[in-house]
Amino acid sequence: MRSYDLTPFYRSTVGFDRLFNLLDQASSDGSPGYPPYNIERTGENAYRITVAVSGFAKDELSIVAKENTLTIKGEKVANENSTSEVLYRGIAARAFERDFQLADFVQVKDASLENGLLHVDLVREIPEAKKPRQIAINAGAKAQVIENSAQAA
């Protein structure tokens, strides 16, 4: 249970809704632990999310990137043609949905499924207009004085 209220901040700020939503999500105690996952940094601007999805086939998984949210869903298709009866189910096969908040300019580059692990490769590509640039400093340039035409007359 959260012991603080963010409502006053919603009233006095404009454009920070996403930030407060992230704070709400981070403070919630009800975050599911299934399926387990890892987040790795594989390069300066490269990341990999690895989700343990053993028992799920490629067509039972979906990956959706919308705005700054990556959603990974898994849903098992019931096998009605099976003649066997399961006496004990220790391998989890329940449906799941896992959301990841992505930073600005982070894009999904690739996804692969191998050995029961779903790998989602991400890369942060900052546009040229947003990158820092060096500004040249001119030496010895004098400021130009612009006279007011009313005073000159």
C-alpha atoms as a PDB file:
ATOM      1  CA  MET A   1       0.000   0.000   0.000  1.00  0.00           C
ATOM      2  CA  ARG A   2       1.266   3.455  -0.917  1.00  0.00           C
ATOM      3  CA  SER A   3       1.626   5.927   1.944  1.00  0.00           C
ATOM      4  CA  TYR A   4       1.730   9.107  -0.146  1.00  0.00           C
ATOM      5  CA  ASP A   5      -0.670  10.845  -2.493  1.00  0.00           C
ATOM      6  CA  LEU A   6       0.493  12.330  -5.822  1.00  0.00           C
ATOM      7  CA  THR A   7      -2.800  14.133  -6.527  1.00  0.00           C
ATOM      8  CA  PRO A   8      -1.509  17.633  -5.607  1.00  0.00           C
ATOM      9  CA  PHE A   9       1.279  17.255  -8.174  1.00  0.00           C
ATOM     10  CA  TYR A  10      -1.214  16.405 -10.924  1.00  0.00           C
ATOM     11  CA  ARG A  11      -3.012  19.708 -10.272  1.00  0.00           C
ATOM     12  CA  SER A  12       0.080  21.915 -10.411  1.00  0.00           C
ATOM     13  CA  THR A  13       2.045  20.410 -13.291  1.00  0.00           C
ATOM     14  CA  VAL A  14       1.536  20.158 -17.021  1.00  0.00           C
ATOM     15  CA  GLY A  15       3.120  17.470 -19.152  1.00  0.00           C
ATOM     16  CA  PHE A  16       4.508  15.352 -16.323  1.00  0.00           C
ATOM     17  CA  ASP A  17       1.733  12.721 -16.363  1.00  0.00           C
ATOM     18  CA  ARG A  18       4.087  10.011 -17.606  1.00  0.00           C
ATOM     19  CA  LEU A  19       6.542  10.691 -14.769  1.00  0.00           C
ATOM     20  CA  PHE A  20       3.847  10.375 -12.123  1.00  0.00           C
ATOM     21  CA  ASN A  21       2.473   7.220 -13.751  1.00  0.00           C
ATOM     22  CA  LEU A  22       5.962   5.707 -13.540  1.00  0.00           C
ATOM     23  CA  LEU A  23       6.142   6.621  -9.855  1.00  0.00           C
ATOM     24  CA  ASP A  24       2.746   4.994  -9.286  1.00  0.00           C
ATOM     25  CA  GLN A  25       3.886   1.801 -11.017  1.00  0.00           C
ATOM     26  CA  ALA A  26       7.197   1.691  -9.171  1.00  0.00           C
ATOM     27  CA  SER A  27       5.543   2.051  -5.794  1.00  0.00           C
ATOM     28  CA  SER A  28       2.883  -0.607  -6.297  1.00  0.00           C
ATOM     29  CA  ASP A  29       3.501  -3.778  -4.316  1.00  0.00           C
ATOM     30  CA  GLY A  30       1.367  -5.959  -6.567  1.00  0.00           C
ATOM     31  CA  SER A  31       3.891  -6.402  -9.373  1.00  0.00           C
ATOM     32  CA  PRO A  32       3.783  -9.977 -10.627  1.00  0.00           C
ATOM     33  CA  GLY A  33       6.909 -12.096 -10.518  1.00  0.00           C
ATOM     34  CA  TYR A  34       5.945 -14.302 -13.449  1.00  0.00           C
ATOM     35  CA  PRO A  35       7.662 -14.765 -15.766  1.00  0.00           C
ATOM     36  CA  PRO A  36      11.155 -13.980 -14.477  1.00  0.00           C
ATOM     37  CA  TYR A  37      13.313 -11.716 -16.634  1.00  0.00           C
ATOM     38  CA  ASN A  38      16.754 -10.116 -16.921  1.00  0.00           C
ATOM     39  CA  ILE A  39      17.703  -6.703 -18.287  1.00  0.00           C
ATOM     40  CA  GLU A  40      21.264  -6.432 -19.571  1.00  0.00           C
ATOM     41  CA  ARG A  41      23.369  -3.664 -21.059  1.00  0.00           C
ATOM     42  CA  THR A  42      25.121  -5.155 -24.085  1.00  0.00           C
ATOM     43  CA  GLY A  43      26.795  -1.983 -25.356  1.00  0.00           C
ATOM     44  CA  GLU A  44      26.960   1.755 -24.850  1.00  0.00           C
ATOM     45  CA  ASN A  45      23.476   2.250 -26.340  1.00  0.00           C
ATOM     46  CA  ALA A  46      22.322  -1.378 -26.566  1.00  0.00           C
ATOM     47  CA  TYR A  47      20.209  -3.404 -24.149  1.00  0.00           C
ATOM     48  CA  ARG A  48      18.678  -6.878 -23.976  1.00  0.00           C
ATOM     49  CA  ILE A  49      15.606  -8.040 -22.114  1.00  0.00           C
ATOM     50  CA  THR A  50      15.535 -11.807 -21.571  1.00  0.00           C
ATOM     51  CA  VAL A  51      12.260 -13.361 -20.426  1.00  0.00           C
ATOM     52  CA  ALA A  52      11.960 -17.000 -19.303  1.00  0.00           C
ATOM     53  CA  VAL A  53       9.053 -18.349 -21.379  1.00  0.00           C
ATOM     54  CA  SER A  54       9.679 -22.081 -21.247  1.00  0.00           C
ATOM     55  CA  GLY A  55       6.796 -24.069 -22.659  1.00  0.00           C
ATOM     56  CA  PHE A  56       5.568 -21.241 -24.910  1.00  0.00           C
ATOM     57  CA  ALA A  57       5.817 -21.535 -28.688  1.00  0.00           C
ATOM     58  CA  LYS A  58       6.667 -18.592 -30.928  1.00  0.00           C
ATOM     59  CA  ASP A  59       3.037 -18.189 -32.054  1.00  0.00           C
ATOM     60  CA  GLU A  60       1.845 -18.067 -28.416  1.00  0.00           C
ATOM     61  CA  LEU A  61       3.943 -14.954 -27.689  1.00  0.00           C
ATOM     62  CA  SER A  62       3.463 -11.369 -28.816  1.00  0.00           C
ATOM     63  CA  ILE A  63       5.680  -8.317 -28.502  1.00  0.00           C
ATOM     64  CA  VAL A  64       4.184  -4.844 -28.965  1.00  0.00           C
ATOM     65  CA  ALA A  65       6.102  -1.565 -28.801  1.00  0.00           C
ATOM     66  CA  LYS A  66       3.838   1.466 -28.473  1.00  0.00           C
ATOM     67  CA  GLU A  67       5.169   4.903 -27.624  1.00  0.00           C
ATOM     68  CA  ASN A  68       7.536   4.310 -24.680  1.00  0.00           C
ATOM     69  CA  THR A  69       6.069   0.997 -23.535  1.00  0.00           C
ATOM     70  CA  LEU A  70       7.153  -2.499 -24.540  1.00  0.00           C
ATOM     71  CA  THR A  71       4.526  -5.167 -23.812  1.00  0.00           C
ATOM     72  CA  ILE A  72       5.304  -8.884 -23.907  1.00  0.00           C
ATOM     73  CA  LYS A  73       2.309 -11.232 -23.734  1.00  0.00           C
ATOM     74  CA  GLY A  74       2.082 -14.981 -23.608  1.00  0.00           C
ATOM     75  CA  GLU A  75      -1.008 -17.143 -23.824  1.00  0.00           C
ATOM     76  CA  LYS A  76      -1.031 -20.915 -24.067  1.00  0.00           C
ATOM     77  CA  VAL A  77      -3.377 -22.492 -26.568  1.00  0.00           C
ATOM     78  CA  ALA A  78      -5.345 -25.314 -24.983  1.00  0.00           C
ATOM     79  CA  ASN A  79      -4.482 -28.688 -26.478  1.00  0.00           C
ATOM     80  CA  GLU A  80      -7.854 -30.363 -26.833  1.00  0.00           C
ATOM     81  CA  ASN A  81      -6.489 -33.279 -28.870  1.00  0.00           C
ATOM     82  CA  SER A  82      -4.430 -34.616 -25.968  1.00  0.00           C
ATOM     83  CA  THR A  83      -5.562 -37.993 -24.633  1.00  0.00           C
ATOM     84  CA  SER A  84      -3.414 -37.860 -21.501  1.00  0.00           C
ATOM     85  CA  GLU A  85      -4.528 -36.612 -18.119  1.00  0.00           C
ATOM     86  CA  VAL A  86      -2.209 -34.314 -16.162  1.00  0.00           C
ATOM     87  CA  LEU A  87      -1.862 -35.565 -12.586  1.00  0.00           C
ATOM     88  CA  TYR A  88       0.445 -32.779 -11.435  1.00  0.00           C
ATOM     89  CA  ARG A  89       1.236 -29.485 -13.203  1.00  0.00           C
ATOM     90  CA  GLY A  90       4.518 -28.027 -11.967  1.00  0.00           C
ATOM     91  CA  ILE A  91       5.459 -26.286 -15.217  1.00  0.00           C
ATOM     92  CA  ALA A  92       3.757 -22.926 -15.329  1.00  0.00           C
ATOM     93  CA  ALA A  93       1.651 -22.416 -18.429  1.00  0.00           C
ATOM     94  CA  ARG A  94      -0.487 -19.519 -17.304  1.00  0.00           C
ATOM     95  CA  ALA A  95      -1.011 -16.463 -19.443  1.00  0.00           C
ATOM     96  CA  PHE A  96       1.079 -13.409 -18.653  1.00  0.00           C
ATOM     97  CA  GLU A  97       1.579  -9.809 -19.670  1.00  0.00           C
ATOM     98  CA  ARG A  98       4.740  -7.922 -18.778  1.00  0.00           C
ATOM     99  CA  ASP A  99       5.205  -4.174 -19.467  1.00  0.00           C
ATOM    100  CA  PHE A 100       8.544  -2.386 -19.690  1.00  0.00           C
ATOM    101  CA  GLN A 101       8.865   1.402 -19.739  1.00  0.00           C
ATOM    102  CA  LEU A 102      11.402   2.470 -22.348  1.00  0.00           C
ATOM    103  CA  ALA A 103      13.418   5.670 -22.276  1.00  0.00           C
ATOM    104  CA  ASP A 104      13.119   8.187 -25.077  1.00  0.00           C
ATOM    105  CA  PHE A 105      14.625   7.105 -28.412  1.00  0.00           C
ATOM    106  CA  VAL A 106      14.876   3.415 -27.390  1.00  0.00           C
ATOM    107  CA  GLN A 107      13.686   1.142 -30.206  1.00  0.00           C
ATOM    108  CA  VAL A 108      13.235  -2.622 -30.497  1.00  0.00           C
ATOM    109  CA  LYS A 109      15.909  -3.944 -32.824  1.00  0.00           C
ATOM    110  CA  ASP A 110      15.316  -7.707 -32.791  1.00  0.00           C
ATOM    111  CA  ALA A 111      13.585 -10.540 -30.938  1.00  0.00           C
ATOM    112  CA  SER A 112      14.459 -14.227 -30.805  1.00  0.00           C
ATOM    113  CA  LEU A 113      13.282 -17.340 -28.968  1.00  0.00           C
ATOM    114  CA  GLU A 114      15.842 -19.976 -28.051  1.00  0.00           C
ATOM    115  CA  ASN A 115      16.021 -22.623 -25.344  1.00  0.00           C
ATOM    116  CA  GLY A 116      12.898 -21.312 -23.593  1.00  0.00           C
ATOM    117  CA  LEU A 117      14.236 -17.755 -23.376  1.00  0.00           C
ATOM    118  CA  LEU A 118      12.785 -14.814 -25.274  1.00  0.00           C
ATOM    119  CA  HIS A 119      15.495 -12.259 -26.102  1.00  0.00           C
ATOM    120  CA  VAL A 120      14.424  -8.738 -27.054  1.00  0.00           C
ATOM    121  CA  ASP A 121      17.291  -6.532 -28.238  1.00  0.00           C
ATOM    122  CA  LEU A 122      16.900  -2.780 -27.834  1.00  0.00           C
ATOM    123  CA  VAL A 123      18.978   0.106 -29.090  1.00  0.00           C
ATOM    124  CA  ARG A 124      18.926   3.788 -28.202  1.00  0.00           C
ATOM    125  CA  GLU A 125      19.294   5.883 -31.350  1.00  0.00           C
ATOM    126  CA  ILE A 126      19.400   9.584 -30.593  1.00  0.00           C
ATOM    127  CA  PRO A 127      18.508  11.770 -33.602  1.00  0.00           C
ATOM    128  CA  GLU A 128      21.235  14.126 -34.843  1.00  0.00           C
ATOM    129  CA  ALA A 129      19.114  17.150 -33.917  1.00  0.00           C
ATOM    130  CA  LYS A 130      19.059  16.005 -30.259  1.00  0.00           C
ATOM    131  CA  LYS A 131      22.774  15.186 -29.947  1.00  0.00           C
ATOM    132  CA  PRO A 132      25.094  17.740 -28.344  1.00  0.00           C
ATOM    133  CA  ARG A 133      27.047  19.798 -30.845  1.00  0.00           C
ATOM    134  CA  GLN A 134      30.123  21.933 -30.549  1.00  0.00           C
ATOM    135  CA  ILE A 135      29.553  25.668 -31.074  1.00  0.00           C
ATOM    136  CA  ALA A 136      32.454  27.624 -32.565  1.00  0.00           C
ATOM    137  CA  ILE A 137      33.482  30.793 -30.738  1.00  0.00           C
ATOM    138  CA  ASN A 138      34.483  33.714 -32.940  1.00  0.00           C
ATOM    139  CA  ALA A 139      37.415  35.742 -31.598  1.00  0.00           C
ATOM    140  CA  GLY A 140      37.653  39.500 -31.969  1.00  0.00           C
ATOM    141  CA  ALA A 141      34.259  40.108 -33.543  1.00  0.00           C
ATOM    142  CA  LYS A 142      32.788  43.461 -32.584  1.00  0.00           C
ATOM    143  CA  ALA A 143      29.149  43.999 -31.849  1.00  0.00           C
ATOM    144  CA  GLN A 144      27.258  46.040 -34.413  1.00  0.00           C
ATOM    145  CA  VAL A 145      25.396  49.090 -33.206  1.00  0.00           C
ATOM    146  CA  ILE A 146      22.025  49.704 -34.823  1.00  0.00           C
ATOM    147  CA  GLU A 147      20.887  53.283 -34.594  1.00  0.00           C
ATOM    148  CA  ASN A 148      17.297  54.222 -34.097  1.00  0.00           C
ATOM    149  CA  SER A 149      16.057  56.178 -37.127  1.00  0.00           C
ATOM    150  CA  ALA A 150      13.979  58.507 -34.918  1.00  0.00           C
ATOM    151  CA  GLN A 151      17.032  59.669 -32.969  1.00  0.00           C
ATOM    152  CA  ALA A 152      19.136  60.135 -36.096  1.00  0.00           C
ATOM    153  CA  ALA A 153      16.651  62.577 -37.633  1.00  0.00           C
END
